[in-house]
N, C-alpha and C. Protein backbone atom coordinates (compact mmCIF):
# COMPACT_ATOMS: atom_id res chain seq x y z
N UNK A 1 36.64 57.56 32.58
CA UNK A 1 36.35 58.92 32.44
C UNK A 1 36.01 59.29 30.87
N UNK A 2 35.33 60.24 31.01
CA UNK A 2 34.76 60.80 29.57
C UNK A 2 35.97 61.42 28.84
N UNK A 3 35.80 61.19 27.66
CA UNK A 3 37.18 61.96 26.55
C UNK A 3 36.43 62.50 25.42
N UNK A 4 35.45 62.50 25.02
CA UNK A 4 34.82 62.55 23.62
C UNK A 4 33.54 62.63 23.75
N UNK A 5 32.87 63.00 22.54
CA UNK A 5 31.30 63.02 22.25
C UNK A 5 31.00 62.28 20.74
N UNK A 6 30.55 60.98 20.90
CA UNK A 6 30.40 60.42 19.43
C UNK A 6 28.80 60.84 19.12
N UNK A 7 28.59 62.10 17.89
CA UNK A 7 26.92 62.04 17.65
C UNK A 7 26.56 61.35 16.79
N UNK A 8 25.18 61.05 17.13
CA UNK A 8 24.18 60.20 15.56
C UNK A 8 23.77 61.06 14.84
N UNK A 9 23.88 60.88 13.48
CA UNK A 9 22.94 61.72 12.47
C UNK A 9 22.33 60.91 11.66
N UNK A 10 20.94 60.72 12.47
CA UNK A 10 20.34 59.68 11.58
C UNK A 10 20.02 60.76 10.04
N UNK A 11 20.02 59.66 8.80
CA UNK A 11 19.49 60.08 7.59
C UNK A 11 18.69 58.82 6.72
N UNK A 12 17.91 59.74 5.89
CA UNK A 12 17.28 58.52 5.08
C UNK A 12 18.14 58.25 3.93
N UNK A 13 19.28 59.16 3.36
CA UNK A 13 20.35 58.46 2.47
C UNK A 13 21.88 58.82 3.17
N UNK A 14 22.01 57.55 3.86
CA UNK A 14 23.21 58.07 4.93
C UNK A 14 24.55 58.15 3.57
N UNK A 15 24.58 57.47 2.91
CA UNK A 15 25.79 57.42 1.76
C UNK A 15 26.25 58.58 1.17
N UNK A 16 24.72 58.90 1.02
CA UNK A 16 24.93 60.45 0.57
C UNK A 16 25.30 61.71 1.40
N UNK A 17 24.75 61.35 2.85
CA UNK A 17 25.15 62.43 3.46
C UNK A 17 26.80 62.46 3.88
N UNK A 18 27.07 61.05 3.97
CA UNK A 18 28.35 60.82 4.45
C UNK A 18 29.07 61.34 3.35
N UNK A 19 28.97 61.33 2.28
CA UNK A 19 29.64 62.23 0.88
C UNK A 19 29.83 63.46 1.13
N UNK A 20 28.51 64.17 1.19
CA UNK A 20 28.38 65.57 1.78
C UNK A 20 29.08 66.41 2.57
N UNK A 21 29.79 65.18 4.06
CA UNK A 21 30.18 65.66 5.02
C UNK A 21 31.82 65.64 4.69
N UNK A 22 32.17 64.10 3.66
CA UNK A 22 33.25 64.01 3.16
C UNK A 22 33.83 64.91 2.12
N UNK A 23 33.16 65.64 0.88
CA UNK A 23 33.56 65.74 -0.50
C UNK A 23 33.18 67.30 -0.26
N UNK A 24 32.19 67.92 0.74
CA UNK A 24 31.80 69.59 0.26
C UNK A 24 32.14 69.97 1.79
N UNK A 25 32.29 69.86 2.92
CA UNK A 25 32.20 70.16 4.11
C UNK A 25 33.62 69.82 4.43
N UNK A 26 34.23 69.08 3.67
CA UNK A 26 35.79 68.50 3.68
C UNK A 26 36.09 68.09 5.25
N UNK A 27 35.28 67.37 6.08
CA UNK A 27 35.58 67.11 7.09
C UNK A 27 36.40 65.75 7.51
N UNK A 28 37.60 65.58 7.72
CA UNK A 28 38.24 64.45 8.40
C UNK A 28 37.41 63.22 8.83
N UNK A 29 38.03 61.49 8.21
CA UNK A 29 36.95 60.50 8.45
C UNK A 29 38.15 59.68 8.64
N UNK A 30 37.50 58.87 9.35
CA UNK A 30 38.08 57.13 9.35
C UNK A 30 37.02 56.19 8.85
N UNK A 31 37.44 55.41 8.00
CA UNK A 31 36.47 54.21 7.60
C UNK A 31 36.69 53.21 8.86
N UNK A 32 34.99 53.31 8.96
CA UNK A 32 34.94 52.10 10.01
C UNK A 32 34.70 50.82 10.04
N UNK A 33 34.32 50.78 8.25
CA UNK A 33 34.36 49.61 7.71
C UNK A 33 32.68 49.10 7.13
N UNK A 34 32.90 48.57 5.48
CA UNK A 34 31.62 48.66 5.36
C UNK A 34 31.02 50.15 4.73
N UNK A 35 31.84 50.76 4.75
CA UNK A 35 31.16 52.17 4.15
C UNK A 35 30.78 53.25 5.34
N UNK A 36 30.98 52.68 6.70
CA UNK A 36 30.92 53.42 7.84
C UNK A 36 32.02 54.66 8.04
N UNK A 37 31.45 55.69 7.41
CA UNK A 37 32.65 56.70 7.58
C UNK A 37 32.23 57.70 9.06
N UNK A 38 33.13 57.69 9.87
CA UNK A 38 32.97 58.30 11.39
C UNK A 38 33.78 59.83 11.24
N UNK A 39 33.34 60.53 11.19
CA UNK A 39 34.00 62.04 11.14
C UNK A 39 34.72 62.78 12.24
N UNK A 40 35.62 63.64 12.03
CA UNK A 40 35.93 64.22 13.42
C UNK A 40 35.09 65.42 13.13
N UNK A 41 35.00 66.12 13.96
CA UNK A 41 34.25 67.38 14.35
C UNK A 41 35.38 68.36 14.84
N UNK A 42 35.11 69.72 14.08
CA UNK A 42 35.60 70.82 14.52
C UNK A 42 35.00 70.80 16.65
N UNK A 43 35.92 72.03 17.12
CA UNK A 43 35.55 71.72 18.67
C UNK A 43 34.25 72.05 19.16
N UNK A 44 33.91 71.31 20.00
CA UNK A 44 32.06 71.59 20.25
C UNK A 44 31.77 71.66 21.83
N UNK A 45 30.52 72.47 21.84
CA UNK A 45 30.23 72.92 23.04
C UNK A 45 28.29 72.32 23.04
N UNK A 46 28.01 72.05 24.44
CA UNK A 46 26.65 71.71 24.32
C UNK A 46 25.62 72.58 25.42
N UNK A 47 24.24 73.26 24.76
CA UNK A 47 23.51 73.86 25.46
C UNK A 47 22.06 73.08 25.49
N UNK A 48 21.83 73.33 27.11
CA UNK A 48 20.83 72.73 27.45
C UNK A 48 19.86 73.67 27.21
N UNK A 49 18.51 73.43 26.54
CA UNK A 49 17.53 74.07 25.93
C UNK A 49 16.38 73.56 26.87
N UNK A 50 15.35 74.18 26.89
CA UNK A 50 14.15 73.98 27.26
C UNK A 50 13.35 73.42 26.42
N UNK A 51 12.83 71.93 26.98
CA UNK A 51 11.43 71.35 25.81
C UNK A 51 10.10 71.78 26.30
N UNK A 52 9.42 71.62 25.36
CA UNK A 52 7.91 71.75 25.81
C UNK A 52 7.46 70.21 25.74
N UNK A 53 7.95 69.08 25.03
CA UNK A 53 7.39 67.85 25.27
C UNK A 53 9.12 67.06 25.38
N UNK A 54 8.54 65.21 25.68
CA UNK A 54 10.01 64.59 25.99
C UNK A 54 10.37 64.30 24.20
N UNK A 55 11.71 64.66 24.12
CA UNK A 55 12.62 64.53 22.96
C UNK A 55 13.50 63.55 23.13
N UNK A 56 13.26 62.18 23.29
CA UNK A 56 14.14 61.21 22.99
C UNK A 56 13.81 60.35 21.38
N UNK A 57 15.06 59.97 21.32
CA UNK A 57 14.92 58.95 20.26
C UNK A 57 15.36 57.63 20.61
N UNK A 58 14.89 56.48 20.08
CA UNK A 58 15.02 55.03 20.82
C UNK A 58 16.23 54.70 19.77
N UNK A 59 17.32 54.13 20.72
CA UNK A 59 18.83 53.85 20.16
C UNK A 59 19.37 52.81 21.21
N UNK A 60 19.62 51.58 20.55
CA UNK A 60 20.65 50.65 21.05
C UNK A 60 19.73 50.32 22.72
N UNK A 61 18.44 49.86 22.58
CA UNK A 61 17.70 49.68 23.85
C UNK A 61 17.33 50.57 24.26
N UNK A 62 17.94 52.34 24.30
CA UNK A 62 17.40 52.86 25.39
C UNK A 62 16.90 54.67 24.65
N UNK A 63 16.23 55.24 25.56
CA UNK A 63 15.74 56.31 25.07
C UNK A 63 16.59 57.31 25.12
N UNK A 64 17.24 57.65 24.11
CA UNK A 64 18.44 58.85 24.35
C UNK A 64 17.60 60.25 23.91
N UNK A 65 18.56 61.07 24.08
CA UNK A 65 18.20 62.42 24.37
C UNK A 65 18.54 62.89 22.78
N UNK A 66 17.47 63.54 22.08
CA UNK A 66 18.01 64.25 20.78
C UNK A 66 18.65 65.38 20.85
N UNK A 67 18.72 66.00 19.54
CA UNK A 67 19.32 67.46 19.59
C UNK A 67 19.37 67.68 18.27
N UNK A 68 19.45 69.12 18.46
CA UNK A 68 19.88 70.12 17.40
C UNK A 68 20.89 70.23 16.82
N UNK A 69 21.40 70.16 15.73
CA UNK A 69 23.26 70.18 14.88
C UNK A 69 22.93 71.09 14.42
N UNK A 70 23.93 72.33 14.94
CA UNK A 70 24.53 73.68 14.87
C UNK A 70 25.75 73.56 14.25
N UNK A 71 26.34 73.69 13.06
CA UNK A 71 27.82 73.95 12.58
C UNK A 71 28.09 75.71 13.00
N UNK A 72 28.78 75.92 13.77
CA UNK A 72 29.37 77.09 14.09
C UNK A 72 30.50 77.88 12.98
N UNK A 73 30.63 79.00 12.94
CA UNK A 73 31.50 79.54 11.76
C UNK A 73 32.09 81.00 12.67
N UNK A 74 33.12 81.39 11.88
CA UNK A 74 33.27 83.00 12.25
C UNK A 74 32.57 83.78 11.56
N UNK A 75 32.38 83.74 10.12
CA UNK A 75 31.63 84.92 9.30
C UNK A 75 30.64 83.74 8.68
N UNK A 76 29.37 83.71 9.17
CA UNK A 76 28.21 82.94 8.53
C UNK A 76 28.27 83.40 6.82
N UNK A 77 28.07 84.87 6.33
CA UNK A 77 28.10 85.41 5.14
C UNK A 77 29.12 84.82 4.16
N UNK A 78 30.57 84.59 4.58
CA UNK A 78 31.59 84.45 3.91
C UNK A 78 31.06 82.42 3.94
N UNK A 79 30.92 81.75 4.58
CA UNK A 79 31.03 80.57 4.30
C UNK A 79 29.74 79.98 4.09
N UNK A 80 28.33 80.69 3.96
CA UNK A 80 27.11 80.69 3.17
C UNK A 80 27.96 80.69 1.43
N UNK A 81 28.55 81.46 1.22
CA UNK A 81 29.28 82.16 -0.09
C UNK A 81 30.30 80.69 -0.61
N UNK A 82 30.73 80.31 0.64
CA UNK A 82 31.97 79.55 0.04
C UNK A 82 30.98 77.74 -0.43
N UNK A 83 30.11 77.97 0.44
CA UNK A 83 29.06 76.25 0.69
C UNK A 83 28.18 76.67 -1.24
N UNK A 84 28.00 77.92 -1.28
CA UNK A 84 26.94 78.35 -2.15
C UNK A 84 27.83 77.91 -3.68
N UNK A 85 29.72 78.44 -3.57
CA UNK A 85 30.29 77.95 -4.41
C UNK A 85 30.62 76.47 -4.88
N UNK A 86 29.73 75.93 -3.55
CA UNK A 86 30.28 74.01 -4.30
C UNK A 86 28.95 73.54 -4.20
N UNK A 87 27.51 74.58 -4.64
CA UNK A 87 26.11 74.15 -4.90
C UNK A 87 25.30 74.03 -3.74
N UNK A 88 25.91 74.11 -2.44
CA UNK A 88 24.37 74.01 -1.27
C UNK A 88 23.63 75.63 -1.18
N UNK A 89 22.67 75.34 -1.46
CA UNK A 89 21.78 75.85 -0.77
C UNK A 89 21.39 76.54 0.50
N UNK A 90 20.94 77.94 1.03
CA UNK A 90 20.73 77.74 2.37
C UNK A 90 19.58 78.62 2.29
N UNK A 91 19.20 78.30 3.78
CA UNK A 91 17.91 79.50 4.52
C UNK A 91 18.08 80.68 4.49
N UNK A 92 16.90 81.72 4.52
CA UNK A 92 17.05 82.75 4.79
C UNK A 92 17.99 83.10 6.20
N UNK A 93 19.02 83.92 6.24
CA UNK A 93 19.86 84.43 7.29
C UNK A 93 18.49 85.31 8.59
N UNK A 94 18.83 84.72 9.42
CA UNK A 94 18.06 85.51 11.05
C UNK A 94 18.91 85.96 11.46
N UNK A 95 18.74 87.15 12.00
CA UNK A 95 19.67 87.69 12.99
C UNK A 95 18.97 87.48 14.50
N UNK A 96 19.62 87.39 15.50
CA UNK A 96 19.38 86.09 17.19
C UNK A 96 20.30 87.57 17.94
N UNK A 97 19.86 87.49 18.97
CA UNK A 97 20.48 87.90 20.32
C UNK A 97 21.87 86.95 20.06
N UNK A 98 21.85 85.85 20.02
CA UNK A 98 22.85 84.99 20.25
C UNK A 98 23.35 84.92 19.05
N UNK A 99 23.20 85.29 18.00
CA UNK A 99 24.05 84.88 16.47
C UNK A 99 23.18 85.33 15.24
N UNK A 100 24.12 84.92 14.19
CA UNK A 100 23.39 85.16 13.23
C UNK A 100 22.95 83.48 12.95
N UNK A 101 21.97 83.36 12.10
CA UNK A 101 21.66 81.65 11.69
C UNK A 101 21.21 81.43 10.28
N UNK A 102 21.25 80.22 9.83
CA UNK A 102 20.78 80.15 8.56
C UNK A 102 21.04 78.54 8.73
N UNK A 103 20.47 77.61 8.15
CA UNK A 103 20.55 76.27 7.25
C UNK A 103 20.91 75.69 6.22
N UNK A 104 21.56 74.67 6.37
CA UNK A 104 21.72 74.17 4.74
C UNK A 104 21.48 72.87 4.97
N UNK A 105 20.38 72.16 3.43
CA UNK A 105 19.85 71.41 3.25
C UNK A 105 21.20 69.98 3.09
N UNK A 106 20.74 68.85 3.93
CA UNK A 106 21.60 67.73 3.29
C UNK A 106 21.35 66.84 2.14
N UNK A 107 22.07 66.12 1.55
CA UNK A 107 21.13 65.27 0.39
C UNK A 107 20.30 64.00 1.07
N UNK A 108 20.47 64.04 2.37
CA UNK A 108 19.24 63.04 2.55
C UNK A 108 17.91 64.06 3.13
N UNK A 109 17.72 65.17 2.93
CA UNK A 109 16.84 65.49 3.17
C UNK A 109 16.82 66.38 4.43
N UNK A 110 17.32 66.22 5.44
CA UNK A 110 17.35 67.12 6.70
C UNK A 110 18.20 68.14 6.52
N UNK A 111 17.87 69.24 7.83
CA UNK A 111 18.75 70.66 7.25
C UNK A 111 19.61 70.57 8.98
N UNK A 112 20.87 70.94 8.57
CA UNK A 112 21.87 71.36 9.84
C UNK A 112 21.93 72.88 9.78
N UNK A 113 21.92 73.24 11.14
CA UNK A 113 21.69 74.47 11.35
C UNK A 113 23.36 75.15 10.96
N UNK A 114 23.56 76.58 10.55
CA UNK A 114 24.58 77.33 10.43
C UNK A 114 24.71 78.46 11.54
N UNK A 115 25.69 79.20 11.98
CA UNK A 115 25.60 79.93 12.53
C UNK A 115 26.68 80.56 13.10
N UNK A 116 27.05 81.87 13.20
CA UNK A 116 28.06 82.79 13.78
C UNK A 116 27.54 83.31 15.05
N UNK A 117 28.17 82.61 15.90
CA UNK A 117 27.50 83.13 17.36
C UNK A 117 28.13 84.23 18.04
N UNK A 118 27.42 85.21 18.75
CA UNK A 118 27.36 86.13 19.45
C UNK A 118 27.84 86.27 20.80
N UNK A 119 27.57 84.79 21.26
CA UNK A 119 27.84 84.77 22.72
C UNK A 119 29.37 84.21 23.23
N UNK A 120 29.51 84.44 24.63
CA UNK A 120 30.30 83.73 24.70
C UNK A 120 30.68 82.08 24.48
N UNK A 121 31.69 81.37 23.79
CA UNK A 121 31.92 80.16 23.83
C UNK A 121 32.61 79.56 24.26
N UNK A 122 31.70 78.02 24.76
CA UNK A 122 32.73 77.44 25.54
C UNK A 122 33.90 76.39 25.32
N UNK A 123 34.04 76.37 23.77
CA UNK A 123 35.06 76.37 22.88
C UNK A 123 36.54 77.07 23.21
N UNK A 124 36.00 78.21 23.60
CA UNK A 124 37.21 79.21 24.14
C UNK A 124 38.15 78.83 25.12
N UNK A 125 37.68 77.78 26.16
CA UNK A 125 38.01 77.53 27.22
C UNK A 125 39.58 76.63 27.05
N UNK A 126 39.79 76.28 25.75
CA UNK A 126 41.39 75.81 26.01
C UNK A 126 41.36 74.49 25.44
N UNK A 127 42.47 73.87 25.18
CA UNK A 127 42.93 72.19 24.75
C UNK A 127 42.22 71.83 25.60
N UNK A 128 41.52 70.61 25.16
CA UNK A 128 40.92 69.63 25.88
C UNK A 128 41.86 68.84 26.91
N UNK A 129 43.68 69.08 27.22
CA UNK A 129 44.70 69.03 27.68
C UNK A 129 44.02 69.51 28.86
N UNK A 130 43.98 70.92 28.55
CA UNK A 130 43.80 71.90 29.77
C UNK A 130 42.37 72.13 30.38
N UNK A 131 41.45 71.51 29.96
CA UNK A 131 40.13 71.52 30.62
C UNK A 131 39.91 70.61 31.62
N UNK A 132 39.03 70.55 32.63
CA UNK A 132 38.53 69.97 33.57
C UNK A 132 38.31 68.43 33.09
N UNK A 133 38.45 67.70 33.94
CA UNK A 133 38.16 66.02 32.91
C UNK A 133 36.85 65.73 33.88
N UNK A 134 35.93 65.28 33.07
CA UNK A 134 34.58 64.41 33.98
C UNK A 134 35.10 62.94 34.19
N UNK A 135 35.00 63.15 35.14
CA UNK A 135 35.10 61.77 35.88
C UNK A 135 33.79 61.04 36.25
N UNK A 136 33.41 60.16 36.11
CA UNK A 136 32.19 59.19 36.49
C UNK A 136 32.42 59.25 37.95
N UNK A 137 31.46 59.29 38.56
CA UNK A 137 31.30 58.38 40.35
C UNK A 137 31.74 57.03 40.12
N UNK A 138 32.22 56.87 40.91
CA UNK A 138 32.65 55.13 41.03
C UNK A 138 31.46 54.61 41.63
N UNK A 139 31.30 53.25 41.64
CA UNK A 139 30.33 52.21 41.86
C UNK A 139 31.18 51.35 43.24
N UNK A 140 30.39 51.23 44.07
CA UNK A 140 30.68 50.78 44.73
C UNK A 140 29.74 51.16 46.37
């Protein structure tokens, strides 16, 4: 039975990006050993968007789906102000039908999307215990 999601975020400066998640975003974490911090994430959802080309990334001998990472917030401008007080810059704010968006730069150079959604949220479906569990088909 599927019980969660483990997201891999590739980085040219993983130690610096881990420190950013720990010290700036204040995400709780466990130390998996040798400096590998694994962060708990806020509630998450997945939107499947059309692509114009194959967007896969090789990992563990497989071509796995690549993804775009957005952090969601209730009030984008307040969140940007809070992050700015911690020295985090953001890109220009963009208005779209689905939300208000910007991005923030990680120390490793990549950017994370940051947005205030205007659409219904899958995270509003309730606690994990109340969601329909995903069972894999049996083999045999």
